[in-house]
Amino acid sequence: MNLGPRNKFHEGQGGFMAATGGVAIVTGGSKGIGKGVARGFAEAGYRVLVVARDVAQADATAREIGNGASGFSADVADPAATEAMAAAALDRYGAIDVLCANAGIFPAAKLGEMTAADFDHVMNVNLKGTFLTVTACLPAMKAARRGRIVLTSSITGPITGYPGWAHYGASKAGQLGFMRTAAIELAPWNITVNAVMPGNILTEGLDGLGQDYLDKMAASIPMRRLGGVEDIAAAALFFASDGAAYVTGQTLVVDGGQVLPESIGALEAMDG
């Protein structure tokens, strides 16, 4: 059976064979989880196209993570922009081995206050943007008969809910429905599609909330701490690795056990 060309691999910190080399596109890659994922792939030897709406931020992140990374400006909800993104990766690096579809927004609005425009905006970026970025990268991956697609979903929507995020939760649950059918359709080309589902991750987006708020967030997690962007990067690297070559249409929750307790009492019993 011809599985097509493969990247080189090395033994990762977690014991699995982590991919090295190759080309990765990371959308929403200039800050937060996306920046952590971009850094993780660069450190694993990938040349990374850091995609963000603000090209200055994308370029700054690319310079920071190094290893030949470069920035690109694209609105993932715009078909022409995502096609230009894929073309830029091919022009600069000659391949698209991995797509990390990470771009997402999470403005809060409760039902009764949320407008149709609010709902459409979140769905366009988070769900339609996933579809468009994947679609744009498919010609290159199909030509190579190999590819890894990693979606950044969330525990919010597929597993949990949070007031003000009905549109966000719907978009993140929708990503998983998209993933399962995409995984079936793309399997003949040896293209896998999987999703990471982060819990509470410490990013600059939490700046300004105060230590008391962060402490309350950590208290709801059995491991008693927030996750780091490197935890999400490690999960994405696993899905891109040779060790995950037979894994597709699957999710990996990275949340320190946040979704496990059935009640506050379960957390209190940990220390009882």
Protein backbone atom coordinates (compact mmCIF):
# COMPACT_ATOMS: atom_id res chain seq x y z
CA MET A 1 0.00 0.00 0.00
CA ASN A 2 1.41 3.40 -0.99
CA LEU A 3 0.82 5.93 1.78
CA GLY A 4 2.68 8.71 0.03
CA PRO A 5 5.64 10.73 1.30
CA ARG A 6 6.14 11.10 5.03
CA ASN A 7 7.99 13.59 7.18
CA LYS A 8 10.87 12.62 9.42
CA PHE A 9 10.06 11.99 13.05
CA HIS A 10 11.78 12.12 16.40
CA GLU A 11 10.92 10.92 19.86
CA GLY A 12 8.81 13.60 21.51
CA GLN A 13 8.74 14.53 25.19
CA GLY A 14 5.51 12.65 25.66
CA GLY A 15 6.95 9.41 24.30
CA PHE A 16 5.12 9.47 20.96
CA MET A 17 6.80 10.03 17.65
CA ALA A 18 6.43 13.76 17.01
CA ALA A 19 6.63 15.06 13.46
CA THR A 20 9.58 17.18 12.41
CA GLY A 21 10.03 19.11 9.24
CA GLY A 22 7.29 19.83 6.80
CA VAL A 23 5.04 22.85 6.41
CA ALA A 24 2.21 23.86 8.73
CA ILE A 25 -0.42 26.56 8.39
CA VAL A 26 -1.78 27.88 11.68
CA THR A 27 -4.77 30.20 11.46
CA GLY A 28 -5.38 32.58 14.33
CA GLY A 29 -1.68 32.04 14.92
CA SER A 30 -0.58 35.45 16.19
CA LYS A 31 -1.82 35.15 19.77
CA GLY A 32 -3.29 32.86 22.41
CA ILE A 33 -3.62 29.17 21.67
CA GLY A 34 -2.77 29.70 18.00
CA LYS A 35 0.54 31.33 18.85
CA GLY A 36 1.36 28.46 21.18
CA VAL A 37 0.55 25.94 18.45
CA ALA A 38 2.62 27.87 15.91
CA ARG A 39 5.55 27.92 18.32
CA GLY A 40 5.21 24.21 19.02
CA PHE A 41 5.32 23.33 15.34
CA ALA A 42 8.28 25.64 14.71
CA GLU A 43 10.17 24.02 17.58
CA ALA A 44 9.37 20.61 16.06
CA GLY A 45 11.08 21.70 12.85
CA TYR A 46 8.12 22.84 10.79
CA ARG A 47 8.15 25.93 8.64
CA VAL A 48 5.02 27.71 9.77
CA LEU A 49 2.74 30.11 7.94
CA VAL A 50 1.29 32.22 10.74
CA VAL A 51 -2.12 33.46 9.60
CA ALA A 52 -3.99 36.32 11.28
CA ARG A 53 -6.13 39.25 10.24
CA ASP A 54 -3.44 41.67 11.46
CA VAL A 55 -0.38 41.06 9.29
CA ALA A 56 1.89 43.02 11.63
CA GLN A 57 1.01 40.68 14.49
CA ALA A 58 1.42 37.65 12.23
CA ASP A 59 4.84 38.85 11.11
CA ALA A 60 5.90 39.57 14.69
CA THR A 61 4.93 36.08 15.80
CA ALA A 62 6.75 34.56 12.82
CA ARG A 63 9.94 36.42 13.73
CA GLU A 64 9.57 35.32 17.35
CA ILE A 65 9.10 31.60 16.66
CA GLY A 66 11.74 31.48 13.91
CA ASN A 67 12.70 28.46 11.79
CA GLY A 68 11.68 30.19 8.58
CA ALA A 69 8.17 31.06 9.74
CA SER A 70 6.38 33.88 7.95
CA GLY A 71 3.21 35.85 8.47
CA PHE A 72 0.16 36.20 6.26
CA SER A 73 -3.00 38.27 6.59
CA ALA A 74 -6.32 36.53 5.93
CA ASP A 75 -9.91 36.67 7.09
CA VAL A 76 -10.83 33.00 7.31
CA ALA A 77 -14.48 33.82 6.55
CA ASP A 78 -13.46 35.09 3.10
CA PRO A 79 -13.05 32.38 0.41
CA ALA A 80 -10.64 34.49 -1.65
CA ALA A 81 -8.48 35.15 1.42
CA THR A 82 -8.22 31.48 2.36
CA GLU A 83 -7.33 30.55 -1.21
CA ALA A 84 -4.61 33.22 -1.14
CA MET A 85 -3.39 31.77 2.16
CA ALA A 86 -2.94 28.31 0.66
CA ALA A 87 -1.27 29.79 -2.43
CA ALA A 88 1.17 31.70 -0.22
CA ALA A 89 2.15 28.55 1.66
CA LEU A 90 2.82 26.74 -1.61
CA ASP A 91 4.71 29.69 -3.06
CA ARG A 92 6.91 30.14 0.01
CA TYR A 93 7.40 26.54 1.12
CA GLY A 94 6.25 24.26 -1.69
CA ALA A 95 3.82 22.16 0.33
CA ILE A 96 1.02 22.09 2.89
CA ASP A 97 1.55 19.15 5.22
CA VAL A 98 -0.52 20.29 8.19
CA LEU A 99 -3.40 22.71 8.62
CA CYS A 100 -4.21 23.83 12.14
CA ALA A 101 -7.60 25.50 11.77
CA ASN A 102 -7.48 27.48 14.98
CA ALA A 103 -8.94 30.90 14.19
CA GLY A 104 -11.97 31.70 16.30
CA ILE A 105 -13.79 34.47 18.12
CA PHE A 106 -15.86 34.40 21.32
CA PRO A 107 -17.78 37.61 21.94
CA ALA A 108 -20.34 37.19 24.71
CA ALA A 109 -24.06 37.91 24.23
CA LYS A 110 -26.93 36.25 26.07
CA LEU A 111 -30.08 35.11 24.32
CA GLY A 112 -32.55 37.95 24.08
CA GLU A 113 -29.66 40.35 23.57
CA MET A 114 -27.82 38.42 20.86
CA THR A 115 -28.69 39.67 17.38
CA ALA A 116 -28.81 37.74 14.13
CA ALA A 117 -25.71 39.64 13.08
CA ASP A 118 -23.92 38.57 16.28
CA PHE A 119 -24.79 34.93 15.63
CA ASP A 120 -23.79 35.07 11.96
CA HIS A 121 -20.46 36.72 12.75
CA VAL A 122 -19.40 33.96 15.16
CA MET A 123 -20.59 31.19 12.85
CA ASN A 124 -18.89 32.76 9.83
CA VAL A 125 -15.49 32.91 11.53
CA ASN A 126 -15.57 29.77 13.65
CA LEU A 127 -17.50 27.29 11.51
CA LYS A 128 -17.56 28.63 7.96
CA GLY A 129 -13.93 29.67 8.45
CA THR A 130 -13.05 26.07 9.29
CA PHE A 131 -14.75 24.87 6.12
CA LEU A 132 -13.05 27.49 3.95
CA THR A 133 -9.53 26.95 5.29
CA VAL A 134 -9.82 23.18 4.93
CA THR A 135 -11.22 23.51 1.41
CA ALA A 136 -8.42 25.86 0.37
CA CYS A 137 -5.73 23.40 1.50
CA LEU A 138 -7.25 20.28 -0.06
CA PRO A 139 -5.80 20.55 -3.59
CA ALA A 140 -2.22 20.52 -2.27
CA MET A 141 -2.89 17.74 0.23
CA LYS A 142 -4.72 15.60 -2.32
CA ALA A 143 -1.88 16.07 -4.82
CA ALA A 144 0.58 14.85 -2.17
CA ARG A 145 -1.84 12.10 -1.11
CA ARG A 146 -1.14 12.96 2.49
CA GLY A 147 -2.16 15.61 5.00
CA ARG A 148 -3.04 16.35 8.59
CA ILE A 149 -5.90 18.67 9.52
CA VAL A 150 -6.26 19.66 13.18
CA LEU A 151 -9.24 21.71 14.30
CA THR A 152 -9.30 23.73 17.51
CA SER A 153 -12.76 23.09 18.92
CA SER A 154 -13.61 23.50 22.61
CA ILE A 155 -15.27 21.75 25.52
CA THR A 156 -17.82 24.59 25.36
CA GLY A 157 -20.57 23.48 23.02
CA PRO A 158 -19.71 19.83 22.45
CA ILE A 159 -19.66 18.99 26.18
CA THR A 160 -20.41 22.04 28.35
CA GLY A 161 -22.24 25.35 28.10
CA TYR A 162 -21.62 28.85 29.38
CA PRO A 163 -24.01 31.83 29.54
CA GLY A 164 -23.41 34.25 26.70
CA TRP A 165 -21.80 31.71 24.42
CA ALA A 166 -24.73 29.99 22.72
CA HIS A 167 -23.42 31.03 19.30
CA TYR A 168 -19.84 30.09 20.19
CA GLY A 169 -20.92 26.71 21.58
CA ALA A 170 -22.97 26.00 18.46
CA SER A 171 -20.00 26.81 16.24
CA LYS A 172 -17.65 24.56 18.20
CA ALA A 173 -20.11 21.66 18.20
CA GLY A 174 -20.62 22.25 14.49
CA GLN A 175 -16.90 21.86 13.88
CA LEU A 176 -17.09 18.29 15.16
CA GLY A 177 -19.97 17.42 12.86
CA PHE A 178 -17.97 18.82 9.96
CA MET A 179 -14.88 16.89 11.10
CA ARG A 180 -16.54 13.47 11.10
CA THR A 181 -17.82 13.65 7.55
CA ALA A 182 -14.64 15.34 6.30
CA ALA A 183 -12.60 12.51 7.84
CA ILE A 184 -14.59 9.96 5.86
CA GLU A 185 -14.40 11.86 2.58
CA LEU A 186 -10.66 12.56 2.83
CA ALA A 187 -9.49 9.15 4.06
CA PRO A 188 -8.80 7.84 0.50
CA TRP A 189 -6.10 10.53 0.17
CA ASN A 190 -4.49 9.62 3.51
CA ILE A 191 -5.66 12.94 4.93
CA THR A 192 -6.69 12.80 8.58
CA VAL A 193 -9.02 15.26 10.29
CA ASN A 194 -9.08 15.49 14.08
CA ALA A 195 -9.91 18.06 16.74
CA VAL A 196 -8.41 19.30 19.99
CA MET A 197 -10.95 20.41 22.60
CA PRO A 198 -9.34 22.80 25.08
CA GLY A 199 -10.70 23.59 28.50
CA ASN A 200 -9.59 26.68 30.39
CA ILE A 201 -6.22 27.69 28.95
CA LEU A 202 -4.10 30.53 30.31
CA THR A 203 -3.57 33.06 27.50
CA GLU A 204 -3.16 36.81 27.23
CA GLY A 205 -6.91 36.93 26.62
CA LEU A 206 -7.36 36.40 30.37
CA ASP A 207 -5.19 39.41 31.24
CA GLY A 208 -7.04 41.90 33.32
CA LEU A 209 -9.51 39.44 34.84
CA GLY A 210 -7.65 39.47 38.14
CA GLN A 211 -6.06 36.76 40.24
CA ASP A 212 -9.28 36.02 42.15
CA TYR A 213 -11.06 35.19 38.89
CA LEU A 214 -8.20 32.99 37.72
CA ASP A 215 -8.15 31.22 41.07
CA LYS A 216 -11.88 30.46 40.77
CA MET A 217 -11.34 29.05 37.29
CA ALA A 218 -8.53 26.83 38.56
CA ALA A 219 -10.65 25.67 41.50
CA SER A 220 -13.16 24.10 39.08
CA ILE A 221 -10.47 21.88 37.57
CA PRO A 222 -9.39 18.64 39.30
CA MET A 223 -5.73 19.39 38.51
CA ARG A 224 -6.22 22.77 40.23
CA ARG A 225 -4.56 24.81 37.50
CA LEU A 226 -5.26 26.27 34.11
CA GLY A 227 -3.74 24.64 31.08
CA GLY A 228 -0.99 26.22 29.01
CA VAL A 229 -0.86 26.83 25.28
CA GLU A 230 1.92 24.26 25.12
CA ASP A 231 -0.59 21.61 26.23
CA ILE A 232 -2.72 22.32 23.16
CA ALA A 233 0.35 22.43 20.93
CA ALA A 234 1.36 18.98 22.18
CA ALA A 235 -2.06 17.59 21.28
CA ALA A 236 -1.93 19.14 17.81
CA LEU A 237 1.57 17.75 17.26
CA PHE A 238 0.33 14.30 18.22
CA PHE A 239 -2.41 14.45 15.59
CA ALA A 240 0.23 15.56 13.05
CA SER A 241 2.61 12.78 14.05
CA ASP A 242 3.29 9.41 12.47
CA GLY A 243 1.91 7.87 15.66
CA ALA A 244 -1.52 9.24 14.72
CA ALA A 245 -1.45 8.08 11.10
CA TYR A 246 -4.38 5.72 11.76
CA VAL A 247 -6.37 8.22 13.84
CA THR A 248 -9.03 10.28 12.08
CA GLY A 249 -12.37 11.83 12.96
CA GLN A 250 -11.44 11.87 16.64
CA THR A 251 -11.33 14.41 19.44
CA LEU A 252 -8.88 14.93 22.28
CA VAL A 253 -10.08 16.84 25.34
CA VAL A 254 -7.27 18.80 27.01
CA ASP A 255 -8.78 20.27 30.16
CA GLY A 256 -7.10 18.94 33.29
CA GLY A 257 -10.22 16.91 34.04
CA GLN A 258 -12.50 19.96 34.01
CA VAL A 259 -15.51 18.14 32.52
CA LEU A 260 -15.30 15.15 34.88
CA PRO A 261 -16.83 16.24 38.24
CA GLU A 262 -20.59 15.72 38.45
CA SER A 263 -20.91 18.52 41.03
CA ILE A 264 -19.01 20.93 43.23
CA GLY A 265 -19.26 18.21 45.87
CA ALA A 266 -17.09 15.94 43.74
CA LEU A 267 -14.33 18.56 43.79
CA GLU A 268 -14.69 19.06 47.51
CA ALA A 269 -14.45 15.30 48.06
CA MET A 270 -11.04 15.28 46.40
CA ASP A 271 -9.57 16.83 49.52
CA GLY A 272 -11.84 15.01 51.98
